[in-house]
């Protein structure tokens, strides 16, 4: 499904339902990708390199200086960085980072056990290309932080983020199973039908009527 018209007038963006994702592509070169759950990506075209600032960094290819404050100062504290970008100066600063696993200690062991898939054999082919430690730590934090209604969403999105990084390093990992973040469409469609899980995005999808649907480029249908 694509949306691009409003009251007969061409919009400056297009919204597309693409596999797991909703993709908003704007005319200016900004793309937003959302998996309808907890995974969210903002992409910019190359002409914006070094021309932006804010909570998402400055897009200059150097991750070491992404914590640049509103005043242009590079800092090491995520709190100092985030507080500098407050939308309303009357809001009080956040002065403490809350450890989600300390706040919910009953979830700590479970989160570490689940997220260890990132460190284990499933992703071993990717470990030399993409360091897993940061992704594992983020997975544990996110999984601890979820309430009981969002366990699977937070965990699965965190693992999918590492799988996405692996895809970008040209290592495609088929990590989903019926027990781990399953994609149920596989069990309801025949072999050649639309909506089967692939660890990477095919250039086209074959429907049950043998019709090929062209999709825009999106690296990694995870």
C-alpha atoms as a PDB file:
ATOM      1  CA  UNK A   1       0.000   0.000   0.000  1.00  0.00           C
ATOM      2  CA  UNK A   2       1.279   3.460  -0.855  1.00  0.00           C
ATOM      3  CA  UNK A   3      -0.061   6.841   0.084  1.00  0.00           C
ATOM      4  CA  UNK A   4       0.982   9.928  -1.821  1.00  0.00           C
ATOM      5  CA  UNK A   5      -2.038  12.102  -2.454  1.00  0.00           C
ATOM      6  CA  UNK A   6      -4.046  14.320  -0.174  1.00  0.00           C
ATOM      7  CA  UNK A   7      -7.155  16.077  -1.511  1.00  0.00           C
ATOM      8  CA  UNK A   8      -5.828  15.567  -5.020  1.00  0.00           C
ATOM      9  CA  UNK A   9      -2.542  17.318  -4.205  1.00  0.00           C
ATOM     10  CA  UNK A  10       0.805  15.544  -4.383  1.00  0.00           C
ATOM     11  CA  UNK A  11       2.370  15.140  -0.965  1.00  0.00           C
ATOM     12  CA  UNK A  12       6.050  15.707  -0.296  1.00  0.00           C
ATOM     13  CA  UNK A  13       6.374  12.150   1.047  1.00  0.00           C
ATOM     14  CA  UNK A  14       5.248   8.581   0.379  1.00  0.00           C
ATOM     15  CA  UNK A  15       4.179   5.965   2.941  1.00  0.00           C
ATOM     16  CA  UNK A  16       4.668   2.322   1.964  1.00  0.00           C
ATOM     17  CA  UNK A  17       3.808  -0.892   3.805  1.00  0.00           C
ATOM     18  CA  UNK A  18       6.860  -3.057   3.097  1.00  0.00           C
ATOM     19  CA  UNK A  19       7.111  -6.451   4.773  1.00  0.00           C
ATOM     20  CA  UNK A  20       7.593  -5.924   8.497  1.00  0.00           C
ATOM     21  CA  UNK A  21       7.928  -2.192   8.048  1.00  0.00           C
ATOM     22  CA  UNK A  22       6.133   1.044   7.400  1.00  0.00           C
ATOM     23  CA  UNK A  23       8.470   3.208   5.317  1.00  0.00           C
ATOM     24  CA  UNK A  24       8.011   6.968   4.978  1.00  0.00           C
ATOM     25  CA  UNK A  25      10.165   8.405   2.205  1.00  0.00           C
ATOM     26  CA  UNK A  26      10.209  12.183   1.841  1.00  0.00           C
ATOM     27  CA  UNK A  27      11.069  14.255  -1.205  1.00  0.00           C
ATOM     28  CA  UNK A  28      13.952  15.977   0.589  1.00  0.00           C
ATOM     29  CA  UNK A  29      15.886  12.734   1.074  1.00  0.00           C
ATOM     30  CA  UNK A  30      14.750  11.713   4.556  1.00  0.00           C
ATOM     31  CA  UNK A  31      13.464   8.162   5.103  1.00  0.00           C
ATOM     32  CA  UNK A  32      11.859   6.853   8.293  1.00  0.00           C
ATOM     33  CA  UNK A  33      11.490   3.088   8.823  1.00  0.00           C
ATOM     34  CA  UNK A  34       9.313   1.629  11.606  1.00  0.00           C
ATOM     35  CA  UNK A  35       8.522  -2.029  12.302  1.00  0.00           C
ATOM     36  CA  UNK A  36       5.197  -1.121  13.993  1.00  0.00           C
ATOM     37  CA  UNK A  37       6.760  -2.094  17.321  1.00  0.00           C
ATOM     38  CA  UNK A  38      10.003  -0.831  18.896  1.00  0.00           C
ATOM     39  CA  UNK A  39      12.450  -0.666  15.951  1.00  0.00           C
ATOM     40  CA  UNK A  40      12.828   2.778  14.405  1.00  0.00           C
ATOM     41  CA  UNK A  41      15.386   4.038  11.877  1.00  0.00           C
ATOM     42  CA  UNK A  42      15.995   7.462  10.359  1.00  0.00           C
ATOM     43  CA  UNK A  43      18.017   7.566   7.122  1.00  0.00           C
ATOM     44  CA  UNK A  44      19.383  10.577   5.272  1.00  0.00           C
ATOM     45  CA  UNK A  45      20.796  10.822   1.764  1.00  0.00           C
ATOM     46  CA  UNK A  46      24.484  11.617   1.359  1.00  0.00           C
ATOM     47  CA  UNK A  47      24.001  15.340   0.639  1.00  0.00           C
ATOM     48  CA  UNK A  48      23.132  15.799   4.328  1.00  0.00           C
ATOM     49  CA  UNK A  49      26.457  14.446   5.614  1.00  0.00           C
ATOM     50  CA  UNK A  50      27.835  16.818   8.229  1.00  0.00           C
ATOM     51  CA  UNK A  51      24.872  19.156   7.752  1.00  0.00           C
ATOM     52  CA  UNK A  52      22.668  18.007  10.635  1.00  0.00           C
ATOM     53  CA  UNK A  53      22.795  17.933  14.417  1.00  0.00           C
ATOM     54  CA  UNK A  54      20.704  16.745  17.347  1.00  0.00           C
ATOM     55  CA  UNK A  55      19.937  13.580  19.264  1.00  0.00           C
ATOM     56  CA  UNK A  56      20.640  11.385  16.238  1.00  0.00           C
ATOM     57  CA  UNK A  57      24.169  12.746  15.806  1.00  0.00           C
ATOM     58  CA  UNK A  58      25.725  14.832  13.051  1.00  0.00           C
ATOM     59  CA  UNK A  59      25.991  12.239  10.241  1.00  0.00           C
ATOM     60  CA  UNK A  60      29.623  12.963   9.430  1.00  0.00           C
ATOM     61  CA  UNK A  61      30.787   9.345   9.435  1.00  0.00           C
ATOM     62  CA  UNK A  62      32.529   9.680  12.782  1.00  0.00           C
ATOM     63  CA  UNK A  63      30.626   8.046  15.639  1.00  0.00           C
ATOM     64  CA  UNK A  64      33.073   9.450  18.186  1.00  0.00           C
ATOM     65  CA  UNK A  65      31.631  12.976  18.015  1.00  0.00           C
ATOM     66  CA  UNK A  66      27.921  12.214  17.904  1.00  0.00           C
ATOM     67  CA  UNK A  67      27.487  13.462  21.482  1.00  0.00           C
ATOM     68  CA  UNK A  68      27.698  17.095  20.369  1.00  0.00           C
ATOM     69  CA  UNK A  69      25.629  19.497  22.449  1.00  0.00           C
ATOM     70  CA  UNK A  70      23.400  22.252  21.175  1.00  0.00           C
ATOM     71  CA  UNK A  71      26.270  24.695  21.763  1.00  0.00           C
ATOM     72  CA  UNK A  72      28.657  22.594  19.626  1.00  0.00           C
ATOM     73  CA  UNK A  73      30.636  21.023  22.480  1.00  0.00           C
ATOM     74  CA  UNK A  74      31.604  17.345  22.165  1.00  0.00           C
ATOM     75  CA  UNK A  75      30.929  15.600  25.494  1.00  0.00           C
ATOM     76  CA  UNK A  76      31.188  12.051  26.824  1.00  0.00           C
ATOM     77  CA  UNK A  77      28.135  12.074  29.088  1.00  0.00           C
ATOM     78  CA  UNK A  78      24.889  10.963  27.421  1.00  0.00           C
ATOM     79  CA  UNK A  79      22.977  12.921  30.058  1.00  0.00           C
ATOM     80  CA  UNK A  80      24.783  16.182  29.327  1.00  0.00           C
ATOM     81  CA  UNK A  81      24.307  15.595  25.610  1.00  0.00           C
ATOM     82  CA  UNK A  82      20.607  14.768  25.845  1.00  0.00           C
ATOM     83  CA  UNK A  83      19.800  17.560  28.287  1.00  0.00           C
ATOM     84  CA  UNK A  84      21.338  20.120  25.922  1.00  0.00           C
ATOM     85  CA  UNK A  85      18.729  19.222  23.285  1.00  0.00           C
ATOM     86  CA  UNK A  86      15.656  19.734  25.474  1.00  0.00           C
ATOM     87  CA  UNK A  87      12.770  21.124  23.480  1.00  0.00           C
ATOM     88  CA  UNK A  88      11.641  23.270  26.419  1.00  0.00           C
ATOM     89  CA  UNK A  89      14.277  24.970  28.559  1.00  0.00           C
ATOM     90  CA  UNK A  90      11.833  25.152  31.473  1.00  0.00           C
ATOM     91  CA  UNK A  91      11.933  21.351  31.814  1.00  0.00           C
ATOM     92  CA  UNK A  92      14.307  20.106  34.486  1.00  0.00           C
ATOM     93  CA  UNK A  93      17.422  18.177  33.498  1.00  0.00           C
ATOM     94  CA  UNK A  94      17.614  14.417  33.882  1.00  0.00           C
ATOM     95  CA  UNK A  95      20.395  13.829  36.393  1.00  0.00           C
ATOM     96  CA  UNK A  96      20.525  10.037  36.637  1.00  0.00           C
ATOM     97  CA  UNK A  97      20.600   7.158  34.200  1.00  0.00           C
ATOM     98  CA  UNK A  98      18.288   4.401  35.388  1.00  0.00           C
ATOM     99  CA  UNK A  99      19.616   0.861  34.996  1.00  0.00           C
ATOM    100  CA  UNK A 100      16.573  -1.074  33.813  1.00  0.00           C
ATOM    101  CA  UNK A 101      17.896  -4.398  35.113  1.00  0.00           C
ATOM    102  CA  UNK A 102      18.577  -2.950  38.565  1.00  0.00           C
ATOM    103  CA  UNK A 103      15.082  -1.510  38.589  1.00  0.00           C
ATOM    104  CA  UNK A 104      13.624  -4.899  37.606  1.00  0.00           C
ATOM    105  CA  UNK A 105      16.091  -7.443  39.039  1.00  0.00           C
ATOM    106  CA  UNK A 106      13.662 -10.306  38.484  1.00  0.00           C
ATOM    107  CA  UNK A 107      14.100  -9.791  34.750  1.00  0.00           C
ATOM    108  CA  UNK A 108      17.896  -9.556  34.713  1.00  0.00           C
ATOM    109  CA  UNK A 109      18.746 -13.270  34.355  1.00  0.00           C
ATOM    110  CA  UNK A 110      15.984 -13.862  31.808  1.00  0.00           C
ATOM    111  CA  UNK A 111      17.080 -10.901  29.677  1.00  0.00           C
ATOM    112  CA  UNK A 112      20.734 -11.989  29.655  1.00  0.00           C
ATOM    113  CA  UNK A 113      19.790 -15.564  28.796  1.00  0.00           C
ATOM    114  CA  UNK A 114      17.559 -14.485  25.899  1.00  0.00           C
ATOM    115  CA  UNK A 115      19.953 -11.893  24.514  1.00  0.00           C
ATOM    116  CA  UNK A 116      22.896 -14.291  24.581  1.00  0.00           C
ATOM    117  CA  UNK A 117      21.763 -15.430  21.136  1.00  0.00           C
ATOM    118  CA  UNK A 118      23.736 -12.428  19.871  1.00  0.00           C
ATOM    119  CA  UNK A 119      26.959 -13.782  21.413  1.00  0.00           C
ATOM    120  CA  UNK A 120      26.310 -17.421  20.517  1.00  0.00           C
ATOM    121  CA  UNK A 121      26.717 -19.727  17.542  1.00  0.00           C
ATOM    122  CA  UNK A 122      23.698 -18.338  15.681  1.00  0.00           C
ATOM    123  CA  UNK A 123      25.586 -15.142  14.831  1.00  0.00           C
ATOM    124  CA  UNK A 124      29.156 -16.487  14.957  1.00  0.00           C
ATOM    125  CA  UNK A 125      29.755 -15.756  11.259  1.00  0.00           C
ATOM    126  CA  UNK A 126      29.047 -12.098  11.930  1.00  0.00           C
ATOM    127  CA  UNK A 127      31.140 -11.606  15.070  1.00  0.00           C
ATOM    128  CA  UNK A 128      34.326 -10.815  13.168  1.00  0.00           C
ATOM    129  CA  UNK A 129      32.509  -8.248  11.046  1.00  0.00           C
ATOM    130  CA  UNK A 130      30.313  -6.560  13.664  1.00  0.00           C
ATOM    131  CA  UNK A 131      31.328  -6.480  17.331  1.00  0.00           C
ATOM    132  CA  UNK A 132      28.379  -7.975  19.242  1.00  0.00           C
ATOM    133  CA  UNK A 133      29.061  -6.615  22.748  1.00  0.00           C
ATOM    134  CA  UNK A 134      27.258  -3.277  22.420  1.00  0.00           C
ATOM    135  CA  UNK A 135      24.276  -4.914  20.727  1.00  0.00           C
ATOM    136  CA  UNK A 136      24.121  -7.544  23.485  1.00  0.00           C
ATOM    137  CA  UNK A 137      24.261  -4.903  26.217  1.00  0.00           C
ATOM    138  CA  UNK A 138      21.549  -2.848  24.526  1.00  0.00           C
ATOM    139  CA  UNK A 139      19.426  -5.968  24.119  1.00  0.00           C
ATOM    140  CA  UNK A 140      19.703  -6.739  27.848  1.00  0.00           C
ATOM    141  CA  UNK A 141      18.783  -3.167  28.798  1.00  0.00           C
ATOM    142  CA  UNK A 142      15.819  -3.054  26.444  1.00  0.00           C
ATOM    143  CA  UNK A 143      14.560  -6.478  27.464  1.00  0.00           C
ATOM    144  CA  UNK A 144      14.791  -5.621  31.160  1.00  0.00           C
ATOM    145  CA  UNK A 145      12.965  -2.356  30.550  1.00  0.00           C
ATOM    146  CA  UNK A 146       9.950  -3.874  28.799  1.00  0.00           C
ATOM    147  CA  UNK A 147       6.810  -4.477  30.785  1.00  0.00           C
ATOM    148  CA  UNK A 148       5.160  -7.888  30.664  1.00  0.00           C
ATOM    149  CA  UNK A 149       3.139  -6.854  27.643  1.00  0.00           C
ATOM    150  CA  UNK A 150       6.147  -6.068  25.475  1.00  0.00           C
ATOM    151  CA  UNK A 151       8.672  -8.788  26.267  1.00  0.00           C
ATOM    152  CA  UNK A 152       8.869 -10.254  22.794  1.00  0.00           C
ATOM    153  CA  UNK A 153       8.753  -6.943  20.971  1.00  0.00           C
ATOM    154  CA  UNK A 154      11.705  -5.425  22.822  1.00  0.00           C
ATOM    155  CA  UNK A 155      13.821  -8.576  22.697  1.00  0.00           C
ATOM    156  CA  UNK A 156      13.094  -9.329  19.052  1.00  0.00           C
ATOM    157  CA  UNK A 157      13.695  -5.739  17.954  1.00  0.00           C
ATOM    158  CA  UNK A 158      17.034  -5.681  19.781  1.00  0.00           C
ATOM    159  CA  UNK A 159      18.226  -8.899  18.123  1.00  0.00           C
ATOM    160  CA  UNK A 160      16.931  -7.690  14.757  1.00  0.00           C
ATOM    161  CA  UNK A 161      19.088  -4.573  15.150  1.00  0.00           C
ATOM    162  CA  UNK A 162      22.204  -6.774  15.310  1.00  0.00           C
ATOM    163  CA  UNK A 163      20.971  -8.881  12.391  1.00  0.00           C
ATOM    164  CA  UNK A 164      20.508  -5.646  10.436  1.00  0.00           C
ATOM    165  CA  UNK A 165      24.083  -4.570  11.210  1.00  0.00           C
ATOM    166  CA  UNK A 166      25.269  -7.998  10.038  1.00  0.00           C
ATOM    167  CA  UNK A 167      23.323  -7.621   6.799  1.00  0.00           C
ATOM    168  CA  UNK A 168      24.978  -4.275   6.214  1.00  0.00           C
ATOM    169  CA  UNK A 169      28.331  -6.046   6.660  1.00  0.00           C
ATOM    170  CA  UNK A 170      27.247  -8.588   3.996  1.00  0.00           C
ATOM    171  CA  UNK A 171      26.607 -11.383   6.499  1.00  0.00           C
ATOM    172  CA  UNK A 172      23.046 -12.665   6.228  1.00  0.00           C
ATOM    173  CA  UNK A 173      21.894 -14.598   9.295  1.00  0.00           C
ATOM    174  CA  UNK A 174      18.656 -16.600   9.319  1.00  0.00           C
ATOM    175  CA  UNK A 175      18.053 -16.403  13.058  1.00  0.00           C
ATOM    176  CA  UNK A 176      14.271 -16.513  13.471  1.00  0.00           C
ATOM    177  CA  UNK A 177      12.715 -19.869  14.357  1.00  0.00           C
ATOM    178  CA  UNK A 178       9.262 -21.039  15.485  1.00  0.00           C
ATOM    179  CA  UNK A 179      10.558 -20.592  19.059  1.00  0.00           C
ATOM    180  CA  UNK A 180      12.552 -17.369  18.650  1.00  0.00           C
ATOM    181  CA  UNK A 181      10.746 -14.334  17.221  1.00  0.00           C
ATOM    182  CA  UNK A 182       8.774 -16.376  14.663  1.00  0.00           C
ATOM    183  CA  UNK A 183       7.250 -14.998  11.504  1.00  0.00           C
ATOM    184  CA  UNK A 184       3.914 -16.759  11.342  1.00  0.00           C
ATOM    185  CA  UNK A 185       3.263 -16.048   7.671  1.00  0.00           C
ATOM    186  CA  UNK A 186       5.654 -18.861   6.813  1.00  0.00           C
ATOM    187  CA  UNK A 187       3.199 -21.368   8.236  1.00  0.00           C
ATOM    188  CA  UNK A 188       0.138 -20.070   6.404  1.00  0.00           C
ATOM    189  CA  UNK A 189       1.466 -19.612   2.883  1.00  0.00           C
ATOM    190  CA  UNK A 190       2.447 -22.139   0.257  1.00  0.00           C
ATOM    191  CA  UNK A 191       6.051 -22.269  -0.904  1.00  0.00           C
ATOM    192  CA  UNK A 192       5.725 -19.769  -3.738  1.00  0.00           C
ATOM    193  CA  UNK A 193       3.366 -17.283  -2.087  1.00  0.00           C
ATOM    194  CA  UNK A 194       3.902 -13.762  -0.833  1.00  0.00           C
ATOM    195  CA  UNK A 195       5.140 -13.025   2.708  1.00  0.00           C
ATOM    196  CA  UNK A 196       7.795 -15.545   3.532  1.00  0.00           C
ATOM    197  CA  UNK A 197      10.604 -14.666   5.875  1.00  0.00           C
ATOM    198  CA  UNK A 198      14.027 -14.041   4.358  1.00  0.00           C
ATOM    199  CA  UNK A 199      17.082 -12.918   6.341  1.00  0.00           C
ATOM    200  CA  UNK A 200      17.750 -10.398   3.561  1.00  0.00           C
ATOM    201  CA  UNK A 201      15.410  -8.396   1.338  1.00  0.00           C
ATOM    202  CA  UNK A 202      14.732  -9.949  -2.091  1.00  0.00           C
ATOM    203  CA  UNK A 203      14.453  -7.581  -5.049  1.00  0.00           C
ATOM    204  CA  UNK A 204      10.914  -8.778  -5.689  1.00  0.00           C
ATOM    205  CA  UNK A 205       8.225 -10.857  -4.029  1.00  0.00           C
ATOM    206  CA  UNK A 206       6.263 -13.554  -5.814  1.00  0.00           C
ATOM    207  CA  UNK A 207       2.576 -13.655  -5.018  1.00  0.00           C
ATOM    208  CA  UNK A 208       0.314 -16.690  -5.229  1.00  0.00           C
ATOM    209  CA  UNK A 209      -0.917 -15.464  -8.604  1.00  0.00           C
ATOM    210  CA  UNK A 210       2.683 -15.438  -9.884  1.00  0.00           C
ATOM    211  CA  UNK A 211       2.742 -11.643  -9.998  1.00  0.00           C
ATOM    212  CA  UNK A 212       6.021  -9.923  -9.166  1.00  0.00           C
ATOM    213  CA  UNK A 213       5.805  -6.912  -6.918  1.00  0.00           C
ATOM    214  CA  UNK A 214       8.701  -4.466  -7.155  1.00  0.00           C
ATOM    215  CA  UNK A 215       9.747  -3.026  -3.819  1.00  0.00           C
ATOM    216  CA  UNK A 216      11.973  -0.025  -3.066  1.00  0.00           C
ATOM    217  CA  UNK A 217      15.457  -0.672  -1.733  1.00  0.00           C
ATOM    218  CA  UNK A 218      15.491  -1.537   1.951  1.00  0.00           C
ATOM    219  CA  UNK A 219      18.516  -3.386   3.245  1.00  0.00           C
ATOM    220  CA  UNK A 220      17.565  -6.303   5.458  1.00  0.00           C
ATOM    221  CA  UNK A 221      13.996  -7.512   5.933  1.00  0.00           C
ATOM    222  CA  UNK A 222      14.739  -8.729   9.432  1.00  0.00           C
END
